């Protein structure tokens, strides 16, 4: 996996934190953490989009963020677990993995491998 895809995965990881923060932040420090997570998340996504297909980057970013947020809600915040919900998330992740696998990374002149 190249460094640009790693940026997408890290951006999705931070997306989970800021989405949770939007619901649970209630003081200066939690709002500050939420804003920092938003900035880091979008910065990494934009940087990855400069080298990778933007539509695929966005789909992977949102798909992983959605799956991570749902699973975090179930694990840490007592949201209900339903088999149907888990199956839909797995279907979403299969689509994200499929997009990643069929996307051809263009190597631009002067880029490092």
PDB file of N, CA and C in Angstrom:
ATOM      1  N   UNK A   1       0.867  -1.179   0.000  1.00  0.00           N
ATOM      2  CA  UNK A   1       0.000   0.000   0.000  1.00  0.00           C
ATOM      3  C   UNK A   1       0.904   1.229   0.000  1.00  0.00           C
ATOM      4  N   UNK A   2       0.587   2.183  -0.865  1.00  0.00           N
ATOM      5  CA  UNK A   2       1.440   3.358  -0.915  1.00  0.00           C
ATOM      6  C   UNK A   2       1.017   4.407   0.113  1.00  0.00           C
ATOM      7  N   UNK A   3       1.849   5.441   0.234  1.00  0.00           N
ATOM      8  CA  UNK A   3       1.626   6.447   1.286  1.00  0.00           C
ATOM      9  C   UNK A   3       0.330   7.234   1.075  1.00  0.00           C
ATOM     10  N   UNK A   4      -0.130   7.387  -0.144  1.00  0.00           N
ATOM     11  CA  UNK A   4      -1.364   8.135  -0.377  1.00  0.00           C
ATOM     12  C   UNK A   4      -2.579   7.367   0.125  1.00  0.00           C
ATOM     13  N   UNK A   5      -2.601   6.046  -0.061  1.00  0.00           N
ATOM     14  CA  UNK A   5      -3.700   5.260   0.483  1.00  0.00           C
ATOM     15  C   UNK A   5      -3.634   5.232   2.001  1.00  0.00           C
ATOM     16  N   UNK A   6      -2.431   5.242   2.549  1.00  0.00           N
ATOM     17  CA  UNK A   6      -2.290   5.292   4.005  1.00  0.00           C
ATOM     18  C   UNK A   6      -2.900   6.585   4.548  1.00  0.00           C
ATOM     19  N   UNK A   7      -2.742   7.684   3.806  1.00  0.00           N
ATOM     20  CA  UNK A   7      -3.364   8.957   4.211  1.00  0.00           C
ATOM     21  C   UNK A   7      -4.884   8.829   4.265  1.00  0.00           C
ATOM     22  N   UNK A   8      -5.460   8.115   3.314  1.00  0.00           N
ATOM     23  CA  UNK A   8      -6.912   7.922   3.290  1.00  0.00           C
ATOM     24  C   UNK A   8      -7.360   7.132   4.521  1.00  0.00           C
ATOM     25  N   UNK A   9      -6.635   6.076   4.852  1.00  0.00           N
ATOM     26  CA  UNK A   9      -7.005   5.253   6.006  1.00  0.00           C
ATOM     27  C   UNK A   9      -6.849   6.022   7.319  1.00  0.00           C
ATOM     28  N   UNK A  10      -5.795   6.814   7.433  1.00  0.00           N
ATOM     29  CA  UNK A  10      -5.613   7.628   8.644  1.00  0.00           C
ATOM     30  C   UNK A  10      -6.691   8.708   8.717  1.00  0.00           C
ATOM     31  N   UNK A  11      -7.027   9.298   7.574  1.00  0.00           N
ATOM     32  CA  UNK A  11      -8.097  10.306   7.541  1.00  0.00           C
ATOM     33  C   UNK A  11      -9.420   9.701   7.988  1.00  0.00           C
ATOM     34  N   UNK A  12      -9.722   8.488   7.554  1.00  0.00           N
ATOM     35  CA  UNK A  12     -10.960   7.812   7.970  1.00  0.00           C
ATOM     36  C   UNK A  12     -10.941   7.523   9.466  1.00  0.00           C
ATOM     37  N   UNK A  13      -9.782   7.175  10.002  1.00  0.00           N
ATOM     38  CA  UNK A  13      -9.642   6.936  11.437  1.00  0.00           C
ATOM     39  C   UNK A  13      -9.973   8.210  12.216  1.00  0.00           C
ATOM     40  N   UNK A  14      -9.452   9.350  11.763  1.00  0.00           N
ATOM     41  CA  UNK A  14      -9.760  10.617  12.426  1.00  0.00           C
ATOM     42  C   UNK A  14     -11.217  11.016  12.224  1.00  0.00           C
ATOM     43  N   UNK A  15     -11.801  10.603  11.095  1.00  0.00           N
ATOM     44  CA  UNK A  15     -13.217  10.896  10.862  1.00  0.00           C
ATOM     45  C   UNK A  15     -14.090  10.262  11.945  1.00  0.00           C
ATOM     46  N   UNK A  16     -13.749   9.066  12.343  1.00  0.00           N
ATOM     47  CA  UNK A  16     -14.502   8.390  13.407  1.00  0.00           C
ATOM     48  C   UNK A  16     -14.512   9.244  14.666  1.00  0.00           C
ATOM     49  N   UNK A  17     -13.356   9.801  15.020  1.00  0.00           N
ATOM     50  CA  UNK A  17     -13.264  10.625  16.229  1.00  0.00           C
ATOM     51  C   UNK A  17     -14.069  11.911  16.127  1.00  0.00           C
ATOM     52  N   UNK A  18     -14.021  12.567  14.956  1.00  0.00           N
ATOM     53  CA  UNK A  18     -14.763  13.831  14.905  1.00  0.00           C
ATOM     54  C   UNK A  18     -16.266  13.611  14.804  1.00  0.00           C
ATOM     55  N   UNK A  19     -16.692  12.525  14.181  1.00  0.00           N
ATOM     56  CA  UNK A  19     -18.128  12.248  14.141  1.00  0.00           C
ATOM     57  C   UNK A  19     -18.637  11.947  15.551  1.00  0.00           C
ATOM     58  N   UNK A  20     -17.910  11.140  16.294  1.00  0.00           N
ATOM     59  CA  UNK A  20     -18.278  10.872  17.683  1.00  0.00           C
ATOM     60  C   UNK A  20     -18.221  12.157  18.496  1.00  0.00           C
ATOM     61  N   UNK A  21     -17.205  12.984  18.240  1.00  0.00           N
ATOM     62  CA  UNK A  21     -17.068  14.252  18.956  1.00  0.00           C
ATOM     63  C   UNK A  21     -18.230  15.199  18.724  1.00  0.00           C
ATOM     64  N   UNK A  22     -18.784  15.198  17.516  1.00  0.00           N
ATOM     65  CA  UNK A  22     -19.926  16.076  17.242  1.00  0.00           C
ATOM     66  C   UNK A  22     -21.116  15.740  18.134  1.00  0.00           C
ATOM     67  N   UNK A  23     -21.252  14.470  18.488  1.00  0.00           N
ATOM     68  CA  UNK A  23     -22.371  14.065  19.333  1.00  0.00           C
ATOM     69  C   UNK A  23     -22.058  14.226  20.827  1.00  0.00           C
ATOM     70  N   UNK A  24     -20.826  13.943  21.226  1.00  0.00           N
ATOM     71  CA  UNK A  24     -20.511  13.841  22.642  1.00  0.00           C
ATOM     72  C   UNK A  24     -19.711  15.007  23.212  1.00  0.00           C
ATOM     73  N   UNK A  25     -19.215  15.915  22.404  1.00  0.00           N
ATOM     74  CA  UNK A  25     -18.423  17.034  22.927  1.00  0.00           C
ATOM     75  C   UNK A  25     -19.321  17.966  23.742  1.00  0.00           C
ATOM     76  N   UNK A  26     -18.823  18.335  24.922  1.00  0.00           N
ATOM     77  CA  UNK A  26     -19.639  19.193  25.776  1.00  0.00           C
ATOM     78  C   UNK A  26     -18.834  20.237  26.542  1.00  0.00           C
ATOM     79  N   UNK A  27     -17.540  20.324  26.282  1.00  0.00           N
ATOM     80  CA  UNK A  27     -16.738  21.373  26.911  1.00  0.00           C
ATOM     81  C   UNK A  27     -15.651  21.832  25.936  1.00  0.00           C
ATOM     82  N   UNK A  28     -14.862  22.776  26.373  1.00  0.00           N
ATOM     83  CA  UNK A  28     -13.841  23.369  25.505  1.00  0.00           C
ATOM     84  C   UNK A  28     -12.888  22.318  24.950  1.00  0.00           C
ATOM     85  N   UNK A  29     -12.393  21.425  25.808  1.00  0.00           N
ATOM     86  CA  UNK A  29     -11.374  20.475  25.383  1.00  0.00           C
ATOM     87  C   UNK A  29     -11.920  19.412  24.437  1.00  0.00           C
ATOM     88  N   UNK A  30     -13.115  18.942  24.666  1.00  0.00           N
ATOM     89  CA  UNK A  30     -13.670  17.942  23.745  1.00  0.00           C
ATOM     90  C   UNK A  30     -14.011  18.578  22.394  1.00  0.00           C
ATOM     91  N   UNK A  31     -14.476  19.833  22.417  1.00  0.00           N
ATOM     92  CA  UNK A  31     -14.715  20.529  21.144  1.00  0.00           C
ATOM     93  C   UNK A  31     -13.404  20.817  20.427  1.00  0.00           C
ATOM     94  N   UNK A  32     -12.356  21.143  21.177  1.00  0.00           N
ATOM     95  CA  UNK A  32     -11.045  21.385  20.566  1.00  0.00           C
ATOM     96  C   UNK A  32     -10.535  20.110  19.898  1.00  0.00           C
ATOM     97  N   UNK A  33     -10.659  18.981  20.584  1.00  0.00           N
ATOM     98  CA  UNK A  33     -10.258  17.698  19.997  1.00  0.00           C
ATOM     99  C   UNK A  33     -11.058  17.367  18.753  1.00  0.00           C
ATOM    100  N   UNK A  34     -12.334  17.662  18.783  1.00  0.00           N
ATOM    101  CA  UNK A  34     -13.198  17.412  17.625  1.00  0.00           C
ATOM    102  C   UNK A  34     -12.759  18.248  16.430  1.00  0.00           C
ATOM    103  N   UNK A  35     -12.491  19.524  16.669  1.00  0.00           N
ATOM    104  CA  UNK A  35     -12.053  20.412  15.575  1.00  0.00           C
ATOM    105  C   UNK A  35     -10.699  19.971  15.029  1.00  0.00           C
ATOM    106  N   UNK A  36      -9.788  19.570  15.897  1.00  0.00           N
ATOM    107  CA  UNK A  36      -8.480  19.090  15.440  1.00  0.00           C
ATOM    108  C   UNK A  36      -8.655  17.830  14.593  1.00  0.00           C
ATOM    109  N   UNK A  37      -9.519  16.928  15.027  1.00  0.00           N
ATOM    110  CA  UNK A  37      -9.773  15.702  14.252  1.00  0.00           C
ATOM    111  C   UNK A  37     -10.360  16.024  12.879  1.00  0.00           C
ATOM    112  N   UNK A  38     -11.253  17.018  12.812  1.00  0.00           N
ATOM    113  CA  UNK A  38     -11.818  17.442  11.517  1.00  0.00           C
ATOM    114  C   UNK A  38     -10.716  17.964  10.609  1.00  0.00           C
ATOM    115  N   UNK A  39      -9.862  18.811  11.141  1.00  0.00           N
ATOM    116  CA  UNK A  39      -8.791  19.418  10.336  1.00  0.00           C
ATOM    117  C   UNK A  39      -7.836  18.342   9.823  1.00  0.00           C
ATOM    118  N   UNK A  40      -7.382  17.457  10.707  1.00  0.00           N
ATOM    119  CA  UNK A  40      -6.452  16.396  10.302  1.00  0.00           C
ATOM    120  C   UNK A  40      -7.108  15.487   9.269  1.00  0.00           C
ATOM    121  N   UNK A  41      -8.337  15.102   9.512  1.00  0.00           N
ATOM    122  CA  UNK A  41      -9.050  14.197   8.625  1.00  0.00           C
ATOM    123  C   UNK A  41      -9.173  14.769   7.214  1.00  0.00           C
ATOM    124  N   UNK A  42      -9.666  15.987   7.116  1.00  0.00           N
ATOM    125  CA  UNK A  42      -9.863  16.574   5.790  1.00  0.00           C
ATOM    126  C   UNK A  42      -8.549  16.935   5.112  1.00  0.00           C
ATOM    127  N   UNK A  43      -7.553  17.343   5.885  1.00  0.00           N
ATOM    128  CA  UNK A  43      -6.251  17.641   5.296  1.00  0.00           C
ATOM    129  C   UNK A  43      -5.677  16.390   4.632  1.00  0.00           C
ATOM    130  N   UNK A  44      -5.685  15.279   5.352  1.00  0.00           N
ATOM    131  CA  UNK A  44      -5.141  14.039   4.791  1.00  0.00           C
ATOM    132  C   UNK A  44      -5.943  13.569   3.579  1.00  0.00           C
ATOM    133  N   UNK A  45      -7.266  13.716   3.636  1.00  0.00           N
ATOM    134  CA  UNK A  45      -8.089  13.304   2.504  1.00  0.00           C
ATOM    135  C   UNK A  45      -7.778  14.169   1.272  1.00  0.00           C
ATOM    136  N   UNK A  46      -7.652  15.457   1.461  1.00  0.00           N
ATOM    137  CA  UNK A  46      -7.352  16.353   0.338  1.00  0.00           C
ATOM    138  C   UNK A  46      -5.971  16.044  -0.241  1.00  0.00           C
ATOM    139  N   UNK A  47      -4.990  15.807   0.624  1.00  0.00           N
ATOM    140  CA  UNK A  47      -3.641  15.485   0.147  1.00  0.00           C
ATOM    141  C   UNK A  47      -3.638  14.177  -0.645  1.00  0.00           C
ATOM    142  N   UNK A  48      -4.374  13.192  -0.185  1.00  0.00           N
ATOM    143  CA  UNK A  48      -4.459  11.924  -0.912  1.00  0.00           C
ATOM    144  C   UNK A  48      -5.163  12.128  -2.252  1.00  0.00           C
ATOM    145  N   UNK A  49      -6.171  13.001  -2.277  1.00  0.00           N
ATOM    146  CA  UNK A  49      -6.923  13.259  -3.499  1.00  0.00           C
ATOM    147  C   UNK A  49      -6.112  13.942  -4.582  1.00  0.00           C
ATOM    148  N   UNK A  50      -4.976  14.511  -4.215  1.00  0.00           N
ATOM    149  CA  UNK A  50      -4.105  15.134  -5.226  1.00  0.00           C
ATOM    150  C   UNK A  50      -3.395  14.088  -6.084  1.00  0.00           C
ATOM    151  N   UNK A  51      -3.219  12.885  -5.539  1.00  0.00           N
ATOM    152  CA  UNK A  51      -2.495  11.847  -6.273  1.00  0.00           C
ATOM    153  C   UNK A  51      -3.395  10.690  -6.700  1.00  0.00           C
ATOM    154  N   UNK A  52      -4.493  10.482  -6.000  1.00  0.00           N
ATOM    155  CA  UNK A  52      -5.395   9.362  -6.273  1.00  0.00           C
ATOM    156  C   UNK A  52      -6.709   9.884  -6.846  1.00  0.00           C
ATOM    157  N   UNK A  53      -7.495   9.032  -7.484  1.00  0.00           N
ATOM    158  CA  UNK A  53      -8.800   9.462  -8.008  1.00  0.00           C
ATOM    159  C   UNK A  53      -9.705   9.963  -6.870  1.00  0.00           C
ATOM    160  N   UNK A  54     -10.179  11.181  -7.008  1.00  0.00           N
ATOM    161  CA  UNK A  54     -10.918  11.839  -5.936  1.00  0.00           C
ATOM    162  C   UNK A  54     -12.183  11.077  -5.558  1.00  0.00           C
ATOM    163  N   UNK A  55     -12.923  10.591  -6.529  1.00  0.00           N
ATOM    164  CA  UNK A  55     -14.153   9.865  -6.231  1.00  0.00           C
ATOM    165  C   UNK A  55     -13.900   8.613  -5.413  1.00  0.00           C
ATOM    166  N   UNK A  56     -12.846   7.900  -5.753  1.00  0.00           N
ATOM    167  CA  UNK A  56     -12.502   6.689  -5.014  1.00  0.00           C
ATOM    168  C   UNK A  56     -12.011   7.038  -3.614  1.00  0.00           C
ATOM    169  N   UNK A  57     -11.193   8.079  -3.504  1.00  0.00           N
ATOM    170  CA  UNK A  57     -10.704   8.520  -2.191  1.00  0.00           C
ATOM    171  C   UNK A  57     -11.880   8.864  -1.293  1.00  0.00           C
ATOM    172  N   UNK A  58     -12.821   9.622  -1.816  1.00  0.00           N
ATOM    173  CA  UNK A  58     -13.961  10.033  -1.001  1.00  0.00           C
ATOM    174  C   UNK A  58     -14.815   8.833  -0.595  1.00  0.00           C
ATOM    175  N   UNK A  59     -15.053   7.912  -1.530  1.00  0.00           N
ATOM    176  CA  UNK A  59     -15.868   6.736  -1.223  1.00  0.00           C
ATOM    177  C   UNK A  59     -15.204   5.872  -0.152  1.00  0.00           C
ATOM    178  N   UNK A  60     -13.911   5.666  -0.250  1.00  0.00           N
ATOM    179  CA  UNK A  60     -13.190   4.873   0.744  1.00  0.00           C
ATOM    180  C   UNK A  60     -13.196   5.591   2.084  1.00  0.00           C
ATOM    181  N   UNK A  61     -12.941   6.889   2.072  1.00  0.00           N
ATOM    182  CA  UNK A  61     -12.928   7.706   3.293  1.00  0.00           C
ATOM    183  C   UNK A  61     -14.266   7.623   4.027  1.00  0.00           C
ATOM    184  N   UNK A  62     -15.343   7.851   3.306  1.00  0.00           N
ATOM    185  CA  UNK A  62     -16.674   7.842   3.920  1.00  0.00           C
ATOM    186  C   UNK A  62     -17.075   6.426   4.338  1.00  0.00           C
ATOM    187  N   UNK A  63     -16.782   5.441   3.511  1.00  0.00           N
ATOM    188  CA  UNK A  63     -17.141   4.062   3.849  1.00  0.00           C
ATOM    189  C   UNK A  63     -16.449   3.567   5.107  1.00  0.00           C
ATOM    190  N   UNK A  64     -15.146   3.790   5.190  1.00  0.00           N
ATOM    191  CA  UNK A  64     -14.419   3.368   6.383  1.00  0.00           C
ATOM    192  C   UNK A  64     -14.846   4.166   7.609  1.00  0.00           C
ATOM    193  N   UNK A  65     -15.057   5.462   7.422  1.00  0.00           N
ATOM    194  CA  UNK A  65     -15.517   6.287   8.535  1.00  0.00           C
ATOM    195  C   UNK A  65     -16.882   5.862   9.037  1.00  0.00           C
ATOM    196  N   UNK A  66     -17.774   5.545   8.121  1.00  0.00           N
ATOM    197  CA  UNK A  66     -19.118   5.091   8.503  1.00  0.00           C
ATOM    198  C   UNK A  66     -19.051   3.769   9.262  1.00  0.00           C
ATOM    199  N   UNK A  67     -18.316   2.832   8.719  1.00  0.00           N
ATOM    200  CA  UNK A  67     -18.199   1.527   9.375  1.00  0.00           C
ATOM    201  C   UNK A  67     -17.565   1.681  10.762  1.00  0.00           C
ATOM    202  N   UNK A  68     -16.510   2.466  10.845  1.00  0.00           N
ATOM    203  CA  UNK A  68     -15.843   2.678  12.129  1.00  0.00           C
ATOM    204  C   UNK A  68     -16.731   3.364  13.146  1.00  0.00           C
ATOM    205  N   UNK A  69     -17.522   4.320  12.694  1.00  0.00           N
ATOM    206  CA  UNK A  69     -18.428   5.033  13.593  1.00  0.00           C
ATOM    207  C   UNK A  69     -19.527   4.113  14.115  1.00  0.00           C
ATOM    208  N   UNK A  70     -20.086   3.299  13.242  1.00  0.00           N
ATOM    209  CA  UNK A  70     -21.133   2.361  13.670  1.00  0.00           C
ATOM    210  C   UNK A  70     -20.572   1.355  14.667  1.00  0.00           C
ATOM    211  N   UNK A  71     -19.422   0.766  14.358  1.00  0.00           N
ATOM    212  CA  UNK A  71     -18.832  -0.205  15.280  1.00  0.00           C
ATOM    213  C   UNK A  71     -18.411   0.438  16.593  1.00  0.00           C
ATOM    214  N   UNK A  72     -17.917   1.664  16.554  1.00  0.00           N
ATOM    215  CA  UNK A  72     -17.564   2.381  17.789  1.00  0.00           C
ATOM    216  C   UNK A  72     -18.807   2.626  18.638  1.00  0.00           C
ATOM    217  N   UNK A  73     -19.890   2.990  17.991  1.00  0.00           N
ATOM    218  CA  UNK A  73     -21.145   3.199  18.718  1.00  0.00           C
ATOM    219  C   UNK A  73     -21.615   1.937  19.430  1.00  0.00           C
ATOM    220  N   UNK A  74     -21.459   0.813  18.746  1.00  0.00           N
ATOM    221  CA  UNK A  74     -21.863  -0.461  19.343  1.00  0.00           C
ATOM    222  C   UNK A  74     -20.923  -0.840  20.490  1.00  0.00           C
ATOM    223  N   UNK A  75     -19.623  -0.710  20.271  1.00  0.00           N
ATOM    224  CA  UNK A  75     -18.637  -1.143  21.266  1.00  0.00           C
ATOM    225  C   UNK A  75     -18.544  -0.224  22.483  1.00  0.00           C
ATOM    226  N   UNK A  76     -18.596   1.090  22.247  1.00  0.00           N
ATOM    227  CA  UNK A  76     -18.285   2.026  23.326  1.00  0.00           C
ATOM    228  C   UNK A  76     -19.473   2.816  23.873  1.00  0.00           C
ATOM    229  N   UNK A  77     -20.560   2.896  23.110  1.00  0.00           N
ATOM    230  CA  UNK A  77     -21.656   3.769  23.507  1.00  0.00           C
ATOM    231  C   UNK A  77     -22.985   3.047  23.676  1.00  0.00           C
ATOM    232  N   UNK A  78     -22.952   1.743  23.700  1.00  0.00           N
ATOM    233  CA  UNK A  78     -24.148   0.965  24.003  1.00  0.00           C
ATOM    234  C   UNK A  78     -25.240   0.990  22.947  1.00  0.00           C
ATOM    235  N   UNK A  79     -24.898   1.319  21.715  1.00  0.00           N
ATOM    236  CA  UNK A  79     -25.914   1.270  20.656  1.00  0.00           C
ATOM    237  C   UNK A  79     -26.249  -0.188  20.359  1.00  0.00           C
ATOM    238  N   UNK A  80     -27.439  -0.401  19.885  1.00  0.00           N
ATOM    239  CA  UNK A  80     -27.889  -1.782  19.684  1.00  0.00           C
ATOM    240  C   UNK A  80     -27.149  -2.444  18.524  1.00  0.00           C
ATOM    241  N   UNK A  81     -26.899  -3.723  18.693  1.00  0.00           N
ATOM    242  CA  UNK A  81     -26.312  -4.530  17.634  1.00  0.00           C
ATOM    243  C   UNK A  81     -27.430  -5.306  16.965  1.00  0.00           C
ATOM    244  N   UNK A  82     -27.496  -5.179  15.667  1.00  0.00           N
ATOM    245  CA  UNK A  82     -28.461  -5.945  14.883  1.00  0.00           C
ATOM    246  C   UNK A  82     -27.699  -6.633  13.767  1.00  0.00           C
ATOM    247  N   UNK A  83     -28.057  -7.868  13.507  1.00  0.00           N
ATOM    248  CA  UNK A  83     -27.396  -8.628  12.449  1.00  0.00           C
ATOM    249  C   UNK A  83     -27.516  -7.899  11.112  1.00  0.00           C
ATOM    250  N   UNK A  84     -28.681  -7.316  10.845  1.00  0.00           N
ATOM    251  CA  UNK A  84     -28.889  -6.595   9.579  1.00  0.00           C
ATOM    252  C   UNK A  84     -27.917  -5.418   9.452  1.00  0.00           C
ATOM    253  N   UNK A  85     -27.702  -4.714  10.551  1.00  0.00           N
ATOM    254  CA  UNK A  85     -26.777  -3.574  10.550  1.00  0.00           C
ATOM    255  C   UNK A  85     -25.354  -4.050  10.254  1.00  0.00           C
ATOM    256  N   UNK A  86     -24.949  -5.135  10.903  1.00  0.00           N
ATOM    257  CA  UNK A  86     -23.605  -5.680  10.685  1.00  0.00           C
ATOM    258  C   UNK A  86     -23.426  -6.145   9.241  1.00  0.00           C
ATOM    259  N   UNK A  87     -24.442  -6.788   8.679  1.00  0.00           N
ATOM    260  CA  UNK A  87     -24.356  -7.251   7.293  1.00  0.00           C
ATOM    261  C   UNK A  87     -24.257  -6.079   6.316  1.00  0.00           C
ATOM    262  N   UNK A  88     -24.985  -5.016   6.570  1.00  0.00           N
ATOM    263  CA  UNK A  88     -24.916  -3.840   5.692  1.00  0.00           C
ATOM    264  C   UNK A  88     -23.536  -3.166   5.775  1.00  0.00           C
ATOM    265  N   UNK A  89     -22.974  -3.124   6.973  1.00  0.00           N
ATOM    266  CA  UNK A  89     -21.627  -2.558   7.124  1.00  0.00           C
ATOM    267  C   UNK A  89     -20.608  -3.431   6.398  1.00  0.00           C
ATOM    268  N   UNK A  90     -20.746  -4.748   6.501  1.00  0.00           N
ATOM    269  CA  UNK A  90     -19.845  -5.653   5.777  1.00  0.00           C
ATOM    270  C   UNK A  90     -19.981  -5.472   4.267  1.00  0.00           C
ATOM    271  N   UNK A  91     -21.205  -5.268   3.796  1.00  0.00           N
ATOM    272  CA  UNK A  91     -21.426  -5.009   2.371  1.00  0.00           C
ATOM    273  C   UNK A  91     -20.755  -3.694   1.966  1.00  0.00           C
ATOM    274  N   UNK A  92     -20.887  -2.685   2.809  1.00  0.00           N
ATOM    275  CA  UNK A  92     -20.235  -1.394   2.556  1.00  0.00           C
ATOM    276  C   UNK A  92     -18.722  -1.560   2.492  1.00  0.00           C
ATOM    277  N   UNK A  93     -18.164  -2.295   3.444  1.00  0.00           N
ATOM    278  CA  UNK A  93     -16.716  -2.525   3.450  1.00  0.00           C
ATOM    279  C   UNK A  93     -16.266  -3.327   2.235  1.00  0.00           C
ATOM    280  N   UNK A  94     -17.073  -4.277   1.793  1.00  0.00           N
ATOM    281  CA  UNK A  94     -16.743  -5.036   0.582  1.00  0.00           C
ATOM    282  C   UNK A  94     -16.679  -4.100  -0.625  1.00  0.00           C
ATOM    283  N   UNK A  95     -17.612  -3.153  -0.690  1.00  0.00           N
ATOM    284  CA  UNK A  95     -17.576  -2.166  -1.777  1.00  0.00           C
ATOM    285  C   UNK A  95     -16.345  -1.281  -1.702  1.00  0.00           C
ATOM    286  N   UNK A  96     -15.977  -0.863  -0.503  1.00  0.00           N
ATOM    287  CA  UNK A  96     -14.788  -0.022  -0.322  1.00  0.00           C
ATOM    288  C   UNK A  96     -13.531  -0.789  -0.739  1.00  0.00           C
ATOM    289  N   UNK A  97     -13.420  -2.037  -0.296  1.00  0.00           N
ATOM    290  CA  UNK A  97     -12.264  -2.850  -0.667  1.00  0.00           C
ATOM    291  C   UNK A  97     -12.248  -3.082  -2.180  1.00  0.00           C
ATOM    292  N   UNK A  98     -13.413  -3.332  -2.751  1.00  0.00           N
ATOM    293  CA  UNK A  98     -13.497  -3.510  -4.196  1.00  0.00           C
ATOM    294  C   UNK A  98     -13.053  -2.270  -4.958  1.00  0.00           C
ATOM    295  N   UNK A  99     -13.480  -1.102  -4.515  1.00  0.00           N
ATOM    296  CA  UNK A  99     -13.029   0.144  -5.162  1.00  0.00           C
ATOM    297  C   UNK A  99     -11.520   0.294  -5.080  1.00  0.00           C
ATOM    298  N   UNK A 100     -10.971  -0.005  -3.928  1.00  0.00           N
ATOM    299  CA  UNK A 100      -9.526   0.106  -3.747  1.00  0.00           C
ATOM    300  C   UNK A 100      -8.802  -0.849  -4.681  1.00  0.00           C
ATOM    301  N   UNK A 101      -9.316  -2.072  -4.815  1.00  0.00           N
ATOM    302  CA  UNK A 101      -8.648  -3.080  -5.643  1.00  0.00           C
ATOM    303  C   UNK A 101      -8.715  -2.773  -7.130  1.00  0.00           C
ATOM    304  N   UNK A 102      -9.802  -2.164  -7.603  1.00  0.00           N
ATOM    305  CA  UNK A 102      -9.930  -1.917  -9.041  1.00  0.00           C
ATOM    306  C   UNK A 102      -9.395  -0.555  -9.463  1.00  0.00           C
ATOM    307  N   UNK A 103      -8.990   0.270  -8.501  1.00  0.00           N
ATOM    308  CA  UNK A 103      -8.465   1.589  -8.840  1.00  0.00           C
ATOM    309  C   UNK A 103      -6.992   1.471  -9.188  1.00  0.00           C
ATOM    310  N   UNK A 104      -6.656   1.970 -10.354  1.00  0.00           N
ATOM    311  CA  UNK A 104      -5.271   1.951 -10.810  1.00  0.00           C
ATOM    312  C   UNK A 104      -4.627   3.262 -10.374  1.00  0.00           C
ATOM    313  N   UNK A 105      -3.536   3.133  -9.613  1.00  0.00           N
ATOM    314  CA  UNK A 105      -2.803   4.319  -9.170  1.00  0.00           C
ATOM    315  C   UNK A 105      -1.932   4.808 -10.316  1.00  0.00           C
ATOM    316  N   UNK A 106      -2.113   6.073 -10.680  1.00  0.00           N
ATOM    317  CA  UNK A 106      -1.281   6.659 -11.712  1.00  0.00           C
ATOM    318  C   UNK A 106       0.004   7.160 -11.066  1.00  0.00           C
ATOM    319  N   UNK A 107       1.133   6.781 -11.633  1.00  0.00           N
ATOM    320  CA  UNK A 107       2.405   7.286 -11.145  1.00  0.00           C
ATOM    321  C   UNK A 107       2.757   8.491 -12.006  1.00  0.00           C
ATOM    322  N   UNK A 108       2.795   9.636 -11.352  1.00  0.00           N
ATOM    323  CA  UNK A 108       3.107  10.854 -12.088  1.00  0.00           C
ATOM    324  C   UNK A 108       4.611  10.991 -12.208  1.00  0.00           C
ATOM    325  N   UNK A 109       5.038  11.664 -13.267  1.00  0.00           N
ATOM    326  CA  UNK A 109       6.444  11.870 -13.499  1.00  0.00           C
ATOM    327  C   UNK A 109       7.072  12.611 -12.328  1.00  0.00           C
ATOM    328  N   UNK A 110       8.155  12.073 -11.826  1.00  0.00           N
ATOM    329  CA  UNK A 110       8.845  12.717 -10.708  1.00  0.00           C
ATOM    330  C   UNK A 110       8.395  12.211  -9.348  1.00  0.00           C
ATOM    331  N   UNK A 111       7.361  11.375  -9.293  1.00  0.00           N
ATOM    332  CA  UNK A 111       6.906  10.812  -8.022  1.00  0.00           C
ATOM    333  C   UNK A 111       7.822   9.690  -7.615  1.00  0.00           C
ATOM    334  N   UNK A 112       7.932   9.524  -6.296  1.00  0.00           N
ATOM    335  CA  UNK A 112       8.714   8.405  -5.787  1.00  0.00           C
ATOM    336  C   UNK A 112       7.800   7.203  -5.647  1.00  0.00           C
ATOM    337  N   UNK A 113       8.335   6.012  -5.757  1.00  0.00           N
ATOM    338  CA  UNK A 113       7.543   4.791  -5.615  1.00  0.00           C
ATOM    339  C   UNK A 113       7.365   4.437  -4.181  1.00  0.00           C
TER     340      UNK A 113
END
